[in-house]
Amino acid sequence: MVLFQLQPPRTLKYLLEPPVYAEVVAPRGENVTLPCILRANPSQYTVKWTKMEVEKLSRLELEDGGRYRCQLSHDLHDESVFISLRIEGVVFPYQSKNGRYRFTYTEAKQACEEQDGRLASQEQLYRAWTEGLDWCNAGWLWDGTVQYPIIVPRPACGLETFSGLRSYGSKDKDHHFDAFCFTSQTSGSVFFLSGSFSFQQAENACRHQGAQLALVGQLYAAWRFRKYDRCDGGWLKDGSVRFPINNPRRRCGGLPTAGVRSLGFPDKAAHLYGAYCYNS
């Protein structure tokens, strides 16, 4: 018989242990300080962060979220604490203009980046589900898995009778699904131009205002962070027509929940709508 003796966890001598599940939350574009606090001050020491070698992050980007390790070295003594940084944002489902389930993994990743986002992580999709995201189409996530969030179980969305994240697991990246994108607040602003524009006319109208047609992620960010509410369908840069609703009412899509409503990808020449512009 081989006996294993468990070593007790090392007691921190110099670093103050952060609270359990210590997490710092901030939106994109903000500055944030990750705490790495000394309980005692050694005579000489160095501190190293494993993701960045500074403790203050400026103008956060979407990819800055994650787990950071603060390592203190003093003579032959090393000790570490861990801090999680969560970028505050919003997850949105995204489909190809050619229809449902048209993206490979690489195409889904590119599509999200083109809409001012990135593929969402499983943690971000789970948080979106807890906040009310209910979507019946499966989409790629950053880790290469394919999942979708269900609040209200129904026959068209799988046979299960419980709510939660439904997962197809990891899929061959050449298979085709939709995408779940993640974005955060932006430095610019979204505004609406009333009118009856073709897609090209909408582009020109925004340009005359010193702006450009908004990206889908920019409209979602305005809806989430600025509580943008507008009942008028308008063109976006990808050729889709959408409108943001924070105050649900019957005449504005008829759905009881807040969200960004989509009218799909109408014919760019034959259909006329307003325009959602973005000014940076």
C-alpha atoms as a PDB file:
ATOM      1  CA  MET A   1       0.000   0.000   0.000  1.00  0.00           C
ATOM      2  CA  VAL A   2       1.299   3.445  -0.921  1.00  0.00           C
ATOM      3  CA  LEU A   3       0.304   6.258   1.367  1.00  0.00           C
ATOM      4  CA  PHE A   4       0.182   9.830   0.131  1.00  0.00           C
ATOM      5  CA  GLN A   5       0.546  12.637   2.613  1.00  0.00           C
ATOM      6  CA  LEU A   6      -1.361  15.756   1.643  1.00  0.00           C
ATOM      7  CA  GLN A   7       0.623  18.927   2.094  1.00  0.00           C
ATOM      8  CA  PRO A   8      -1.251  21.718   3.848  1.00  0.00           C
ATOM      9  CA  PRO A   9      -1.805  24.799   1.712  1.00  0.00           C
ATOM     10  CA  ARG A  10       0.913  27.388   1.999  1.00  0.00           C
ATOM     11  CA  THR A  11       0.048  30.280   4.252  1.00  0.00           C
ATOM     12  CA  LEU A  12       0.476  33.650   2.647  1.00  0.00           C
ATOM     13  CA  LYS A  13       3.078  35.658   4.519  1.00  0.00           C
ATOM     14  CA  TYR A  14       3.198  38.863   2.511  1.00  0.00           C
ATOM     15  CA  LEU A  15       0.135  38.963   0.246  1.00  0.00           C
ATOM     16  CA  LEU A  16      -3.371  39.517   1.513  1.00  0.00           C
ATOM     17  CA  GLU A  17      -5.702  36.730   0.353  1.00  0.00           C
ATOM     18  CA  PRO A  18      -8.519  38.213  -1.762  1.00  0.00           C
ATOM     19  CA  PRO A  19     -12.137  37.272  -1.002  1.00  0.00           C
ATOM     20  CA  VAL A  20     -13.366  33.956  -2.370  1.00  0.00           C
ATOM     21  CA  TYR A  21     -14.189  34.247  -6.073  1.00  0.00           C
ATOM     22  CA  ALA A  22     -12.622  37.704  -6.155  1.00  0.00           C
ATOM     23  CA  GLU A  23     -13.763  39.390  -9.338  1.00  0.00           C
ATOM     24  CA  VAL A  24     -13.340  42.852 -10.792  1.00  0.00           C
ATOM     25  CA  VAL A  25     -16.036  43.934 -13.252  1.00  0.00           C
ATOM     26  CA  ALA A  26     -15.700  46.784 -15.745  1.00  0.00           C
ATOM     27  CA  PRO A  27     -17.004  47.630 -19.223  1.00  0.00           C
ATOM     28  CA  ARG A  28     -14.848  48.044 -22.310  1.00  0.00           C
ATOM     29  CA  GLY A  29     -12.990  51.335 -22.585  1.00  0.00           C
ATOM     30  CA  GLU A  30     -12.699  51.935 -18.829  1.00  0.00           C
ATOM     31  CA  ASN A  31      -9.575  51.836 -16.679  1.00  0.00           C
ATOM     32  CA  VAL A  32      -9.364  49.269 -13.905  1.00  0.00           C
ATOM     33  CA  THR A  33      -6.978  48.417 -11.079  1.00  0.00           C
ATOM     34  CA  LEU A  34      -6.496  44.778 -10.109  1.00  0.00           C
ATOM     35  CA  PRO A  35      -5.819  44.545  -6.359  1.00  0.00           C
ATOM     36  CA  CYS A  36      -2.642  42.822  -5.209  1.00  0.00           C
ATOM     37  CA  ILE A  37      -2.323  43.940  -1.594  1.00  0.00           C
ATOM     38  CA  LEU A  38       0.605  43.453   0.776  1.00  0.00           C
ATOM     39  CA  ARG A  39      -0.136  42.449   4.363  1.00  0.00           C
ATOM     40  CA  ALA A  40       3.563  42.816   5.205  1.00  0.00           C
ATOM     41  CA  ASN A  41       6.311  44.681   3.413  1.00  0.00           C
ATOM     42  CA  PRO A  42       9.452  42.621   2.665  1.00  0.00           C
ATOM     43  CA  SER A  43      12.709  44.503   2.315  1.00  0.00           C
ATOM     44  CA  GLN A  44      13.091  43.674  -1.383  1.00  0.00           C
ATOM     45  CA  TYR A  45      10.551  42.074  -3.653  1.00  0.00           C
ATOM     46  CA  THR A  46       9.213  41.916  -7.185  1.00  0.00           C
ATOM     47  CA  VAL A  47       5.632  41.520  -8.382  1.00  0.00           C
ATOM     48  CA  LYS A  48       4.694  39.891 -11.680  1.00  0.00           C
ATOM     49  CA  TRP A  49       1.301  39.566 -13.359  1.00  0.00           C
ATOM     50  CA  THR A  50       1.008  36.539 -15.619  1.00  0.00           C
ATOM     51  CA  LYS A  51      -1.278  38.171 -18.187  1.00  0.00           C
ATOM     52  CA  MET A  52       0.163  41.667 -18.049  1.00  0.00           C
ATOM     53  CA  GLU A  53       3.126  42.947 -16.097  1.00  0.00           C
ATOM     54  CA  VAL A  54       1.231  45.955 -14.801  1.00  0.00           C
ATOM     55  CA  GLU A  55      -1.487  46.108 -12.188  1.00  0.00           C
ATOM     56  CA  LYS A  56      -3.512  48.856 -13.897  1.00  0.00           C
ATOM     57  CA  LEU A  57      -5.255  48.178 -17.224  1.00  0.00           C
ATOM     58  CA  SER A  58      -6.180  51.166 -19.362  1.00  0.00           C
ATOM     59  CA  ARG A  59      -8.963  51.336 -21.959  1.00  0.00           C
ATOM     60  CA  LEU A  60     -10.094  47.747 -21.505  1.00  0.00           C
ATOM     61  CA  GLU A  61     -10.696  45.641 -24.598  1.00  0.00           C
ATOM     62  CA  LEU A  62     -12.966  42.627 -24.935  1.00  0.00           C
ATOM     63  CA  GLU A  63     -10.047  40.204 -24.836  1.00  0.00           C
ATOM     64  CA  ASP A  64      -8.705  41.595 -21.526  1.00  0.00           C
ATOM     65  CA  GLY A  65     -11.165  39.568 -19.473  1.00  0.00           C
ATOM     66  CA  GLY A  66      -9.873  36.469 -17.734  1.00  0.00           C
ATOM     67  CA  ARG A  67      -7.924  35.257 -14.717  1.00  0.00           C
ATOM     68  CA  TYR A  68      -4.850  37.136 -13.555  1.00  0.00           C
ATOM     69  CA  ARG A  69      -2.140  35.867 -11.268  1.00  0.00           C
ATOM     70  CA  CYS A  70      -0.191  38.242  -9.040  1.00  0.00           C
ATOM     71  CA  GLN A  71       3.098  36.599  -8.042  1.00  0.00           C
ATOM     72  CA  LEU A  72       5.349  38.099  -5.405  1.00  0.00           C
ATOM     73  CA  SER A  73       8.977  36.986  -5.225  1.00  0.00           C
ATOM     74  CA  HIS A  74      11.179  37.693  -2.188  1.00  0.00           C
ATOM     75  CA  ASP A  75      14.545  35.948  -1.947  1.00  0.00           C
ATOM     76  CA  LEU A  76      13.601  32.275  -2.302  1.00  0.00           C
ATOM     77  CA  HIS A  77      10.021  32.854  -1.259  1.00  0.00           C
ATOM     78  CA  ASP A  78       7.218  32.957  -3.866  1.00  0.00           C
ATOM     79  CA  GLU A  79       3.516  33.357  -3.287  1.00  0.00           C
ATOM     80  CA  SER A  80       0.548  34.171  -5.523  1.00  0.00           C
ATOM     81  CA  VAL A  81      -3.049  35.347  -5.461  1.00  0.00           C
ATOM     82  CA  PHE A  82      -5.593  35.218  -8.271  1.00  0.00           C
ATOM     83  CA  ILE A  83      -8.034  37.872  -9.468  1.00  0.00           C
ATOM     84  CA  SER A  84     -10.675  37.503 -12.182  1.00  0.00           C
ATOM     85  CA  LEU A  85     -11.459  40.395 -14.493  1.00  0.00           C
ATOM     86  CA  ARG A  86     -14.875  40.306 -16.131  1.00  0.00           C
ATOM     87  CA  ILE A  87     -15.667  42.642 -18.978  1.00  0.00           C
ATOM     88  CA  GLU A  88     -19.225  43.832 -18.529  1.00  0.00           C
ATOM     89  CA  GLY A  89     -21.112  43.374 -21.768  1.00  0.00           C
ATOM     90  CA  VAL A  90     -23.942  41.802 -23.699  1.00  0.00           C
ATOM     91  CA  VAL A  91     -24.267  38.576 -25.719  1.00  0.00           C
ATOM     92  CA  PHE A  92     -26.217  38.646 -28.953  1.00  0.00           C
ATOM     93  CA  PRO A  93     -27.064  35.870 -31.415  1.00  0.00           C
ATOM     94  CA  TYR A  94     -25.937  36.514 -34.964  1.00  0.00           C
ATOM     95  CA  GLN A  95     -26.998  34.847 -38.212  1.00  0.00           C
ATOM     96  CA  SER A  96     -25.649  35.020 -41.745  1.00  0.00           C
ATOM     97  CA  LYS A  97     -27.551  37.126 -44.269  1.00  0.00           C
ATOM     98  CA  ASN A  98     -27.810  33.872 -46.238  1.00  0.00           C
ATOM     99  CA  GLY A  99     -29.908  32.226 -43.541  1.00  0.00           C
ATOM    100  CA  ARG A 100     -29.736  29.938 -40.526  1.00  0.00           C
ATOM    101  CA  TYR A 101     -26.682  27.776 -39.784  1.00  0.00           C
ATOM    102  CA  ARG A 102     -24.273  29.099 -42.412  1.00  0.00           C
ATOM    103  CA  PHE A 103     -21.128  29.838 -40.360  1.00  0.00           C
ATOM    104  CA  THR A 104     -18.117  27.601 -39.870  1.00  0.00           C
ATOM    105  CA  TYR A 105     -16.245  28.351 -36.651  1.00  0.00           C
ATOM    106  CA  THR A 106     -13.800  30.645 -38.467  1.00  0.00           C
ATOM    107  CA  GLU A 107     -16.625  32.439 -40.269  1.00  0.00           C
ATOM    108  CA  ALA A 108     -18.536  32.878 -37.008  1.00  0.00           C
ATOM    109  CA  LYS A 109     -15.442  34.337 -35.346  1.00  0.00           C
ATOM    110  CA  GLN A 110     -14.975  36.770 -38.232  1.00  0.00           C
ATOM    111  CA  ALA A 111     -18.672  37.709 -38.284  1.00  0.00           C
ATOM    112  CA  CYS A 112     -18.603  38.690 -34.605  1.00  0.00           C
ATOM    113  CA  GLU A 113     -15.443  40.762 -35.087  1.00  0.00           C
ATOM    114  CA  GLU A 114     -17.055  42.556 -38.033  1.00  0.00           C
ATOM    115  CA  GLN A 115     -19.961  43.516 -35.747  1.00  0.00           C
ATOM    116  CA  ASP A 116     -17.737  45.027 -33.022  1.00  0.00           C
ATOM    117  CA  GLY A 117     -17.608  41.894 -30.894  1.00  0.00           C
ATOM    118  CA  ARG A 118     -15.985  38.520 -30.437  1.00  0.00           C
ATOM    119  CA  LEU A 119     -17.316  35.016 -30.032  1.00  0.00           C
ATOM    120  CA  ALA A 120     -18.826  34.698 -26.561  1.00  0.00           C
ATOM    121  CA  SER A 121     -17.398  32.377 -23.933  1.00  0.00           C
ATOM    122  CA  GLN A 122     -19.530  29.748 -22.227  1.00  0.00           C
ATOM    123  CA  GLU A 123     -19.431  31.834 -19.041  1.00  0.00           C
ATOM    124  CA  GLN A 124     -20.706  34.880 -20.943  1.00  0.00           C
ATOM    125  CA  LEU A 125     -23.519  32.879 -22.557  1.00  0.00           C
ATOM    126  CA  TYR A 126     -24.464  31.401 -19.196  1.00  0.00           C
ATOM    127  CA  ARG A 127     -24.627  34.869 -17.634  1.00  0.00           C
ATOM    128  CA  ALA A 128     -26.753  36.073 -20.571  1.00  0.00           C
ATOM    129  CA  TRP A 129     -29.101  33.120 -19.966  1.00  0.00           C
ATOM    130  CA  THR A 130     -29.455  34.076 -16.283  1.00  0.00           C
ATOM    131  CA  GLU A 131     -30.344  37.584 -17.477  1.00  0.00           C
ATOM    132  CA  GLY A 132     -33.110  36.286 -19.743  1.00  0.00           C
ATOM    133  CA  LEU A 133     -31.570  35.341 -23.108  1.00  0.00           C
ATOM    134  CA  ASP A 134     -33.790  32.718 -24.748  1.00  0.00           C
ATOM    135  CA  TRP A 135     -32.721  31.600 -28.229  1.00  0.00           C
ATOM    136  CA  CYS A 136     -33.654  28.459 -30.107  1.00  0.00           C
ATOM    137  CA  ASN A 137     -30.826  28.368 -32.686  1.00  0.00           C
ATOM    138  CA  ALA A 138     -27.466  26.815 -31.820  1.00  0.00           C
ATOM    139  CA  GLY A 139     -24.358  28.940 -32.212  1.00  0.00           C
ATOM    140  CA  TRP A 140     -20.588  28.746 -31.972  1.00  0.00           C
ATOM    141  CA  LEU A 141     -18.801  29.827 -28.796  1.00  0.00           C
ATOM    142  CA  TRP A 142     -15.170  30.868 -28.355  1.00  0.00           C
ATOM    143  CA  ASP A 143     -14.059  27.440 -27.117  1.00  0.00           C
ATOM    144  CA  GLY A 144     -15.372  25.679 -30.247  1.00  0.00           C
ATOM    145  CA  THR A 145     -18.480  24.287 -28.589  1.00  0.00           C
ATOM    146  CA  VAL A 146     -21.986  24.808 -29.968  1.00  0.00           C
ATOM    147  CA  GLN A 147     -24.739  25.757 -27.508  1.00  0.00           C
ATOM    148  CA  TYR A 148     -27.961  27.703 -27.127  1.00  0.00           C
ATOM    149  CA  PRO A 149     -29.849  29.162 -24.130  1.00  0.00           C
ATOM    150  CA  ILE A 150     -33.458  28.238 -23.340  1.00  0.00           C
ATOM    151  CA  ILE A 151     -35.609  30.018 -20.752  1.00  0.00           C
ATOM    152  CA  VAL A 152     -38.988  28.624 -21.841  1.00  0.00           C
ATOM    153  CA  PRO A 153     -38.763  24.954 -22.951  1.00  0.00           C
ATOM    154  CA  ARG A 154     -40.839  24.205 -26.054  1.00  0.00           C
ATOM    155  CA  PRO A 155     -41.004  21.354 -28.577  1.00  0.00           C
ATOM    156  CA  ALA A 156     -39.365  23.368 -31.343  1.00  0.00           C
ATOM    157  CA  CYS A 157     -36.271  23.886 -29.170  1.00  0.00           C
ATOM    158  CA  GLY A 158     -35.420  20.337 -28.165  1.00  0.00           C
ATOM    159  CA  LEU A 159     -37.269  17.626 -26.308  1.00  0.00           C
ATOM    160  CA  GLU A 160     -36.025  18.560 -22.828  1.00  0.00           C
ATOM    161  CA  THR A 161     -38.571  20.003 -20.436  1.00  0.00           C
ATOM    162  CA  PHE A 162     -36.084  22.055 -18.423  1.00  0.00           C
ATOM    163  CA  SER A 163     -34.525  25.430 -19.070  1.00  0.00           C
ATOM    164  CA  GLY A 164     -30.764  25.955 -19.333  1.00  0.00           C
ATOM    165  CA  LEU A 165     -27.906  25.899 -21.797  1.00  0.00           C
ATOM    166  CA  ARG A 166     -28.345  23.159 -24.398  1.00  0.00           C
ATOM    167  CA  SER A 167     -25.011  21.935 -25.722  1.00  0.00           C
ATOM    168  CA  TYR A 168     -23.925  19.974 -28.777  1.00  0.00           C
ATOM    169  CA  GLY A 169     -20.426  19.835 -27.291  1.00  0.00           C
ATOM    170  CA  SER A 170     -17.299  20.484 -29.338  1.00  0.00           C
ATOM    171  CA  LYS A 171     -17.967  20.256 -33.059  1.00  0.00           C
ATOM    172  CA  ASP A 172     -15.797  19.977 -36.140  1.00  0.00           C
ATOM    173  CA  LYS A 173     -15.004  23.597 -36.967  1.00  0.00           C
ATOM    174  CA  ASP A 174     -16.070  23.080 -40.585  1.00  0.00           C
ATOM    175  CA  HIS A 175     -19.639  22.347 -39.482  1.00  0.00           C
ATOM    176  CA  HIS A 176     -22.174  25.142 -39.866  1.00  0.00           C
ATOM    177  CA  PHE A 177     -24.103  26.950 -37.131  1.00  0.00           C
ATOM    178  CA  ASP A 178     -24.988  30.490 -36.081  1.00  0.00           C
ATOM    179  CA  ALA A 179     -22.829  32.571 -33.728  1.00  0.00           C
ATOM    180  CA  PHE A 180     -23.149  33.994 -30.236  1.00  0.00           C
ATOM    181  CA  CYS A 181     -21.207  37.258 -30.085  1.00  0.00           C
ATOM    182  CA  PHE A 182     -20.129  39.317 -27.087  1.00  0.00           C
ATOM    183  CA  THR A 183     -19.667  43.073 -27.048  1.00  0.00           C
ATOM    184  CA  SER A 184     -19.382  45.851 -24.493  1.00  0.00           C
ATOM    185  CA  GLN A 185     -19.976  49.574 -24.260  1.00  0.00           C
ATOM    186  CA  THR A 186     -18.516  51.814 -26.958  1.00  0.00           C
ATOM    187  CA  SER A 187     -16.903  55.224 -26.847  1.00  0.00           C
ATOM    188  CA  GLY A 188     -19.228  56.591 -29.537  1.00  0.00           C
ATOM    189  CA  SER A 189     -22.987  56.961 -29.795  1.00  0.00           C
ATOM    190  CA  VAL A 190     -25.790  55.496 -31.886  1.00  0.00           C
ATOM    191  CA  PHE A 191     -28.522  57.757 -33.244  1.00  0.00           C
ATOM    192  CA  PHE A 192     -31.497  57.304 -35.538  1.00  0.00           C
ATOM    193  CA  LEU A 193     -32.270  59.150 -38.759  1.00  0.00           C
ATOM    194  CA  SER A 194     -35.938  59.141 -39.723  1.00  0.00           C
ATOM    195  CA  GLY A 195     -36.764  58.662 -43.368  1.00  0.00           C
ATOM    196  CA  SER A 196     -37.581  56.158 -46.070  1.00  0.00           C
ATOM    197  CA  PHE A 197     -34.142  55.101 -47.232  1.00  0.00           C
ATOM    198  CA  SER A 198     -32.839  52.306 -49.375  1.00  0.00           C
ATOM    199  CA  PHE A 199     -29.692  50.768 -47.922  1.00  0.00           C
ATOM    200  CA  GLN A 200     -27.450  52.964 -50.081  1.00  0.00           C
ATOM    201  CA  GLN A 201     -29.438  56.080 -49.198  1.00  0.00           C
ATOM    202  CA  ALA A 202     -29.140  55.194 -45.512  1.00  0.00           C
ATOM    203  CA  GLU A 203     -25.356  54.922 -45.862  1.00  0.00           C
ATOM    204  CA  ASN A 204     -25.246  58.324 -47.535  1.00  0.00           C
ATOM    205  CA  ALA A 205     -27.533  59.886 -44.923  1.00  0.00           C
ATOM    206  CA  CYS A 206     -25.255  58.757 -42.068  1.00  0.00           C
ATOM    207  CA  ARG A 207     -22.182  59.941 -43.969  1.00  0.00           C
ATOM    208  CA  HIS A 208     -23.722  63.403 -44.361  1.00  0.00           C
ATOM    209  CA  GLN A 209     -23.973  63.492 -40.556  1.00  0.00           C
ATOM    210  CA  GLY A 210     -20.286  62.703 -40.187  1.00  0.00           C
ATOM    211  CA  ALA A 211     -21.120  59.154 -39.118  1.00  0.00           C
ATOM    212  CA  GLN A 212     -21.545  55.678 -40.566  1.00  0.00           C
ATOM    213  CA  LEU A 213     -24.191  52.979 -40.388  1.00  0.00           C
ATOM    214  CA  ALA A 214     -23.989  51.303 -36.998  1.00  0.00           C
ATOM    215  CA  LEU A 215     -22.738  47.764 -36.497  1.00  0.00           C
ATOM    216  CA  VAL A 216     -24.986  45.219 -34.818  1.00  0.00           C
ATOM    217  CA  GLY A 217     -22.745  45.125 -31.733  1.00  0.00           C
ATOM    218  CA  GLN A 218     -22.859  48.915 -31.465  1.00  0.00           C
ATOM    219  CA  LEU A 219     -26.663  48.888 -31.477  1.00  0.00           C
ATOM    220  CA  TYR A 220     -26.730  46.181 -28.809  1.00  0.00           C
ATOM    221  CA  ALA A 221     -24.256  48.173 -26.695  1.00  0.00           C
ATOM    222  CA  ALA A 222     -26.437  51.292 -26.992  1.00  0.00           C
ATOM    223  CA  TRP A 223     -29.484  49.232 -26.010  1.00  0.00           C
ATOM    224  CA  ARG A 224     -27.733  47.652 -23.017  1.00  0.00           C
ATOM    225  CA  PHE A 225     -25.591  50.462 -21.634  1.00  0.00           C
ATOM    226  CA  ARG A 226     -27.498  53.576 -22.709  1.00  0.00           C
ATOM    227  CA  LYS A 227     -31.000  52.069 -22.464  1.00  0.00           C
ATOM    228  CA  TYR A 228     -31.595  53.073 -26.077  1.00  0.00           C
ATOM    229  CA  ASP A 229     -35.252  52.589 -27.009  1.00  0.00           C
ATOM    230  CA  ARG A 230     -36.620  53.230 -30.491  1.00  0.00           C
ATOM    231  CA  CYS A 231     -39.653  51.699 -32.145  1.00  0.00           C
ATOM    232  CA  ASP A 232     -38.514  52.352 -35.735  1.00  0.00           C
ATOM    233  CA  GLY A 233     -36.797  49.784 -37.922  1.00  0.00           C
ATOM    234  CA  GLY A 234     -33.513  51.049 -39.350  1.00  0.00           C
ATOM    235  CA  TRP A 235     -30.697  49.846 -41.576  1.00  0.00           C
ATOM    236  CA  LEU A 236     -27.412  48.655 -40.057  1.00  0.00           C
ATOM    237  CA  LYS A 237     -24.067  48.281 -41.799  1.00  0.00           C
ATOM    238  CA  ASP A 238     -24.455  44.528 -42.352  1.00  0.00           C
ATOM    239  CA  GLY A 239     -27.642  45.098 -44.367  1.00  0.00           C
ATOM    240  CA  SER A 240     -29.989  43.998 -41.593  1.00  0.00           C
ATOM    241  CA  VAL A 241     -32.884  46.040 -40.207  1.00  0.00           C
ATOM    242  CA  ARG A 242     -33.318  46.171 -36.434  1.00  0.00           C
ATOM    243  CA  PHE A 243     -34.599  48.344 -33.609  1.00  0.00           C
ATOM    244  CA  PRO A 244     -33.834  48.459 -29.848  1.00  0.00           C
ATOM    245  CA  ILE A 245     -36.598  48.140 -27.242  1.00  0.00           C
ATOM    246  CA  ASN A 246     -36.072  48.760 -23.523  1.00  0.00           C
ATOM    247  CA  ASN A 247     -39.709  49.497 -22.788  1.00  0.00           C
ATOM    248  CA  PRO A 248     -41.694  46.612 -24.345  1.00  0.00           C
ATOM    249  CA  ARG A 249     -45.090  47.582 -25.747  1.00  0.00           C
ATOM    250  CA  ARG A 250     -47.522  45.902 -28.073  1.00  0.00           C
ATOM    251  CA  ARG A 251     -47.006  48.159 -31.076  1.00  0.00           C
ATOM    252  CA  CYS A 252     -43.216  47.708 -31.007  1.00  0.00           C
ATOM    253  CA  GLY A 253     -42.772  44.080 -31.935  1.00  0.00           C
ATOM    254  CA  GLY A 254     -45.361  42.650 -29.572  1.00  0.00           C
ATOM    255  CA  LEU A 255     -42.847  40.750 -27.408  1.00  0.00           C
ATOM    256  CA  PRO A 256     -43.078  41.073 -23.610  1.00  0.00           C
ATOM    257  CA  THR A 257     -39.323  41.309 -23.067  1.00  0.00           C
ATOM    258  CA  ALA A 258     -36.762  43.990 -23.844  1.00  0.00           C
ATOM    259  CA  GLY A 259     -34.265  43.361 -26.615  1.00  0.00           C
ATOM    260  CA  VAL A 260     -33.059  44.267 -30.073  1.00  0.00           C
ATOM    261  CA  ARG A 261     -35.716  43.226 -32.571  1.00  0.00           C
ATOM    262  CA  SER A 262     -34.677  42.038 -36.027  1.00  0.00           C
ATOM    263  CA  LEU A 263     -36.521  42.347 -39.317  1.00  0.00           C
ATOM    264  CA  GLY A 264     -33.922  40.238 -41.097  1.00  0.00           C
ATOM    265  CA  PHE A 265     -32.039  41.224 -44.228  1.00  0.00           C
ATOM    266  CA  PRO A 266     -34.524  42.921 -46.593  1.00  0.00           C
ATOM    267  CA  ASP A 267     -33.794  43.698 -50.232  1.00  0.00           C
ATOM    268  CA  LYS A 268     -31.425  46.663 -50.056  1.00  0.00           C
ATOM    269  CA  ALA A 269     -32.996  48.502 -52.991  1.00  0.00           C
ATOM    270  CA  ALA A 270     -36.668  47.615 -52.742  1.00  0.00           C
ATOM    271  CA  HIS A 271     -37.295  48.155 -49.015  1.00  0.00           C
ATOM    272  CA  LEU A 272     -37.229  51.527 -47.300  1.00  0.00           C
ATOM    273  CA  TYR A 273     -36.399  52.162 -43.622  1.00  0.00           C
ATOM    274  CA  GLY A 274     -34.719  54.688 -41.380  1.00  0.00           C
ATOM    275  CA  ALA A 275     -31.032  54.482 -40.477  1.00  0.00           C
ATOM    276  CA  TYR A 276     -29.130  53.752 -37.283  1.00  0.00           C
ATOM    277  CA  CYS A 277     -25.883  55.707 -37.447  1.00  0.00           C
ATOM    278  CA  TYR A 278     -22.780  55.511 -35.250  1.00  0.00           C
ATOM    279  CA  ASN A 279     -20.639  58.516 -34.436  1.00  0.00           C
ATOM    280  CA  SER A 280     -17.307  57.789 -32.820  1.00  0.00           C
END
